[in-house]
Each structure stands twice: as C-alpha cells, then as structure tokens.
Amino acid sequence: MSIDKLLEGVTPEVYQRMQSAIASGKWPNGVALSEEQKAQCLQILIAYDEKHKDTEDRVGYLPTKPKGSQPRGMDTPPIRIIED
C-alpha cells in the first residue's frame, strides 16, 4: 500500500487517537503499543502533517531563531575555565 493511499484513511479522529497513543504508550482500549507501533504511528503523523498542515503546525516543529542569535539554552555566556 502506498503512503498516499494509507493517508487517505487517516481521519482527524484516527490522527488524534494515534497522537494520544504515542503520548501515553497505550491504545484507547489500554493495550500497550509496541516500539514498532510507536515508530509507525509517528511516521504516519509526520507524513499526514506534511500533506495537510502548515509548517508551524506540524509534529516536532521548532521555530528558527534569527541569524546571529544564541542557540537554545545559551542565554547566558558559557563558563570559561582558566588553568594556571
């Protein structure tokens, strides 16, 4: 089955169930997701988002910082070690 054919069956309800299952590690009926199921669900969510959502609304989106700004978590200058 092609990814496009698979994504045709992903309704907003199915999308939400997969998203919740990944977050909780369980399907709505309480059955735990296997590592393979987690990976596959995440791949489906990413592909769905790519096709149906704006960049800023996609799973895992991180806004870019303006050029020349500090990397995340680097709001304070780094500690310098001075050796004698």
N, C-alpha and C. Protein backbone atom coordinates (compact mmCIF):
# COMPACT_ATOMS: atom_id res chain seq x y z
N MET A 1 0.85 -1.18 0.00
CA MET A 1 0.00 0.00 0.00
C MET A 1 0.89 1.24 0.00
N SER A 2 0.52 2.21 -0.82
CA SER A 2 1.30 3.44 -0.88
C SER A 2 0.98 4.33 0.30
N ILE A 3 1.89 5.23 0.62
CA ILE A 3 1.69 6.14 1.75
C ILE A 3 0.49 7.05 1.48
N ASP A 4 0.30 7.47 0.22
CA ASP A 4 -0.84 8.32 -0.10
C ASP A 4 -2.15 7.58 0.14
N LYS A 5 -2.22 6.32 -0.23
CA LYS A 5 -3.41 5.51 -0.01
C LYS A 5 -3.65 5.34 1.49
N LEU A 6 -2.59 5.10 2.24
CA LEU A 6 -2.70 4.95 3.69
C LEU A 6 -3.22 6.24 4.33
N LEU A 7 -2.69 7.38 3.91
CA LEU A 7 -3.08 8.66 4.49
C LEU A 7 -4.53 9.03 4.18
N GLU A 8 -5.09 8.48 3.10
CA GLU A 8 -6.49 8.74 2.79
C GLU A 8 -7.41 8.24 3.91
N GLY A 9 -6.99 7.19 4.61
CA GLY A 9 -7.80 6.62 5.68
C GLY A 9 -7.59 7.27 7.04
N VAL A 10 -6.68 8.22 7.10
CA VAL A 10 -6.40 8.88 8.38
C VAL A 10 -7.35 10.07 8.53
N THR A 11 -8.37 9.88 9.35
CA THR A 11 -9.31 10.95 9.66
C THR A 11 -8.77 11.74 10.84
N PRO A 12 -9.33 12.91 11.12
CA PRO A 12 -8.90 13.65 12.30
C PRO A 12 -9.04 12.82 13.59
N GLU A 13 -10.06 11.97 13.67
CA GLU A 13 -10.23 11.11 14.85
C GLU A 13 -9.11 10.08 14.95
N VAL A 14 -8.77 9.46 13.84
CA VAL A 14 -7.67 8.48 13.82
C VAL A 14 -6.36 9.17 14.17
N TYR A 15 -6.13 10.35 13.61
CA TYR A 15 -4.93 11.13 13.90
C TYR A 15 -4.82 11.39 15.40
N GLN A 16 -5.92 11.84 16.02
CA GLN A 16 -5.92 12.14 17.45
C GLN A 16 -5.66 10.88 18.28
N ARG A 17 -6.23 9.76 17.88
CA ARG A 17 -6.00 8.50 18.61
C ARG A 17 -4.54 8.08 18.54
N MET A 18 -3.95 8.22 17.36
CA MET A 18 -2.53 7.87 17.22
C MET A 18 -1.67 8.81 18.07
N GLN A 19 -1.99 10.08 18.04
CA GLN A 19 -1.23 11.06 18.81
C GLN A 19 -1.33 10.75 20.31
N SER A 20 -2.52 10.45 20.78
CA SER A 20 -2.71 10.10 22.19
C SER A 20 -2.01 8.80 22.55
N ALA A 21 -2.07 7.84 21.64
CA ALA A 21 -1.43 6.54 21.88
C ALA A 21 0.08 6.69 22.01
N ILE A 22 0.67 7.53 21.16
CA ILE A 22 2.12 7.75 21.24
C ILE A 22 2.47 8.42 22.56
N ALA A 23 1.68 9.41 22.95
CA ALA A 23 1.95 10.15 24.19
C ALA A 23 1.81 9.27 25.43
N SER A 24 0.79 8.41 25.45
CA SER A 24 0.52 7.59 26.65
C SER A 24 1.20 6.23 26.59
N GLY A 25 1.56 5.79 25.38
CA GLY A 25 2.15 4.46 25.23
C GLY A 25 1.10 3.36 25.19
N LYS A 26 -0.19 3.76 25.11
CA LYS A 26 -1.29 2.78 25.09
C LYS A 26 -2.35 3.19 24.08
N TRP A 27 -3.02 2.19 23.51
CA TRP A 27 -4.17 2.45 22.68
C TRP A 27 -5.34 2.85 23.58
N PRO A 28 -6.41 3.42 23.02
CA PRO A 28 -7.55 3.82 23.85
C PRO A 28 -8.14 2.67 24.68
N ASN A 29 -7.99 1.42 24.22
CA ASN A 29 -8.51 0.27 24.97
C ASN A 29 -7.54 -0.21 26.06
N GLY A 30 -6.42 0.48 26.24
CA GLY A 30 -5.48 0.14 27.31
C GLY A 30 -4.34 -0.76 26.91
N VAL A 31 -4.37 -1.31 25.71
CA VAL A 31 -3.30 -2.20 25.25
C VAL A 31 -2.06 -1.36 24.92
N ALA A 32 -0.91 -1.80 25.42
CA ALA A 32 0.35 -1.07 25.20
C ALA A 32 0.79 -1.14 23.74
N LEU A 33 1.36 -0.04 23.26
CA LEU A 33 1.94 -0.02 21.92
C LEU A 33 3.31 -0.66 21.97
N SER A 34 3.63 -1.41 20.93
CA SER A 34 4.99 -1.94 20.81
C SER A 34 5.87 -0.81 20.29
N GLU A 35 7.18 -0.98 20.38
CA GLU A 35 8.10 0.03 19.85
C GLU A 35 7.88 0.21 18.35
N GLU A 36 7.61 -0.90 17.65
CA GLU A 36 7.36 -0.82 16.21
C GLU A 36 6.08 -0.02 15.92
N GLN A 37 5.03 -0.24 16.71
CA GLN A 37 3.79 0.52 16.52
C GLN A 37 4.00 2.01 16.80
N LYS A 38 4.77 2.33 17.83
CA LYS A 38 5.06 3.74 18.12
C LYS A 38 5.77 4.39 16.94
N ALA A 39 6.77 3.71 16.41
CA ALA A 39 7.53 4.25 15.29
C ALA A 39 6.65 4.42 14.06
N GLN A 40 5.80 3.43 13.79
CA GLN A 40 4.93 3.52 12.63
C GLN A 40 3.89 4.63 12.77
N CYS A 41 3.31 4.76 13.96
CA CYS A 41 2.33 5.83 14.20
C CYS A 41 2.98 7.19 14.03
N LEU A 42 4.18 7.35 14.55
CA LEU A 42 4.88 8.62 14.43
C LEU A 42 5.17 8.94 12.97
N GLN A 43 5.56 7.94 12.20
CA GLN A 43 5.82 8.15 10.77
C GLN A 43 4.54 8.57 10.05
N ILE A 44 3.41 7.98 10.42
CA ILE A 44 2.13 8.34 9.82
C ILE A 44 1.76 9.77 10.18
N LEU A 45 1.94 10.15 11.46
CA LEU A 45 1.62 11.51 11.87
C LEU A 45 2.48 12.54 11.13
N ILE A 46 3.75 12.25 10.99
CA ILE A 46 4.65 13.16 10.28
C ILE A 46 4.24 13.29 8.82
N ALA A 47 3.93 12.17 8.17
CA ALA A 47 3.52 12.19 6.76
C ALA A 47 2.19 12.91 6.60
N TYR A 48 1.26 12.68 7.51
CA TYR A 48 -0.04 13.36 7.47
C TYR A 48 0.14 14.87 7.61
N ASP A 49 0.95 15.26 8.59
CA ASP A 49 1.21 16.69 8.81
C ASP A 49 1.84 17.34 7.58
N GLU A 50 2.77 16.64 6.97
CA GLU A 50 3.46 17.16 5.78
C GLU A 50 2.45 17.46 4.67
N LYS A 51 1.46 16.61 4.57
CA LYS A 51 0.48 16.73 3.50
C LYS A 51 -0.65 17.71 3.82
N HIS A 52 -1.03 17.82 5.10
CA HIS A 52 -2.25 18.54 5.45
C HIS A 52 -2.07 19.79 6.32
N LYS A 53 -0.90 20.03 6.87
CA LYS A 53 -0.75 21.14 7.81
C LYS A 53 0.32 22.13 7.38
N ASP A 54 0.18 23.36 7.85
CA ASP A 54 1.22 24.36 7.64
C ASP A 54 2.46 23.96 8.43
N THR A 55 3.60 24.41 8.01
CA THR A 55 4.87 24.05 8.65
C THR A 55 4.85 24.26 10.16
N GLU A 56 4.32 25.39 10.61
CA GLU A 56 4.33 25.73 12.03
C GLU A 56 3.42 24.83 12.87
N ASP A 57 2.49 24.12 12.23
CA ASP A 57 1.53 23.28 12.94
C ASP A 57 1.89 21.80 12.93
N ARG A 58 3.02 21.46 12.35
CA ARG A 58 3.41 20.06 12.21
C ARG A 58 4.04 19.50 13.48
N VAL A 59 3.95 18.17 13.61
CA VAL A 59 4.57 17.47 14.73
C VAL A 59 6.06 17.76 14.75
N GLY A 60 6.58 18.15 15.91
CA GLY A 60 8.01 18.36 16.07
C GLY A 60 8.54 19.68 15.54
N TYR A 61 7.66 20.59 15.13
CA TYR A 61 8.14 21.87 14.58
C TYR A 61 8.84 22.69 15.66
N LEU A 62 10.00 23.21 15.32
CA LEU A 62 10.72 24.14 16.19
C LEU A 62 11.00 25.40 15.38
N PRO A 63 10.57 26.53 15.88
CA PRO A 63 10.83 27.76 15.12
C PRO A 63 12.32 28.05 15.05
N THR A 64 12.72 28.65 13.96
CA THR A 64 14.13 29.01 13.81
C THR A 64 14.37 30.34 14.49
N LYS A 65 15.58 30.52 15.00
CA LYS A 65 15.94 31.79 15.63
C LYS A 65 16.59 32.68 14.57
N PRO A 66 16.48 33.97 14.77
CA PRO A 66 17.13 34.87 13.82
C PRO A 66 18.64 34.62 13.73
N LYS A 67 19.21 34.85 12.57
CA LYS A 67 20.63 34.64 12.35
C LYS A 67 21.45 35.49 13.33
N GLY A 68 22.46 34.86 13.92
CA GLY A 68 23.32 35.57 14.85
C GLY A 68 22.88 35.48 16.29
N SER A 69 21.72 34.88 16.56
CA SER A 69 21.26 34.78 17.95
C SER A 69 21.86 33.53 18.60
N GLN A 70 21.80 33.50 19.90
CA GLN A 70 22.35 32.38 20.68
C GLN A 70 21.53 31.11 20.44
N PRO A 71 22.16 29.94 20.45
CA PRO A 71 21.41 28.68 20.38
C PRO A 71 20.51 28.54 21.61
N ARG A 72 19.50 27.69 21.51
CA ARG A 72 18.61 27.45 22.64
C ARG A 72 19.41 27.03 23.86
N GLY A 73 19.02 27.57 25.01
CA GLY A 73 19.69 27.21 26.25
C GLY A 73 20.99 27.96 26.48
N MET A 74 21.34 28.84 25.58
CA MET A 74 22.61 29.57 25.70
C MET A 74 22.33 31.05 25.96
N ASP A 75 21.34 31.33 26.82
CA ASP A 75 21.00 32.72 27.12
C ASP A 75 22.07 33.40 27.98
N THR A 76 22.86 32.59 28.68
CA THR A 76 23.95 33.14 29.48
C THR A 76 25.26 32.73 28.83
N PRO A 77 26.28 33.52 29.01
CA PRO A 77 27.57 33.16 28.40
C PRO A 77 28.10 31.86 28.98
N PRO A 78 28.84 31.09 28.20
CA PRO A 78 29.41 29.84 28.71
C PRO A 78 30.46 30.11 29.79
N ILE A 79 30.66 29.12 30.64
CA ILE A 79 31.67 29.21 31.70
C ILE A 79 33.05 28.96 31.07
N ARG A 80 33.98 29.83 31.39
CA ARG A 80 35.34 29.63 30.89
C ARG A 80 36.21 29.11 32.03
N ILE A 81 36.98 28.09 31.74
CA ILE A 81 37.89 27.52 32.73
C ILE A 81 39.28 28.08 32.46
N ILE A 82 39.85 28.68 33.48
CA ILE A 82 41.20 29.25 33.36
C ILE A 82 42.15 28.36 34.13
N GLU A 83 43.14 27.85 33.44
CA GLU A 83 44.14 26.98 34.08
C GLU A 83 45.38 27.79 34.39
N ASP A 84 46.02 27.47 35.53
CA ASP A 84 47.25 28.16 35.91
C ASP A 84 48.44 27.61 35.19
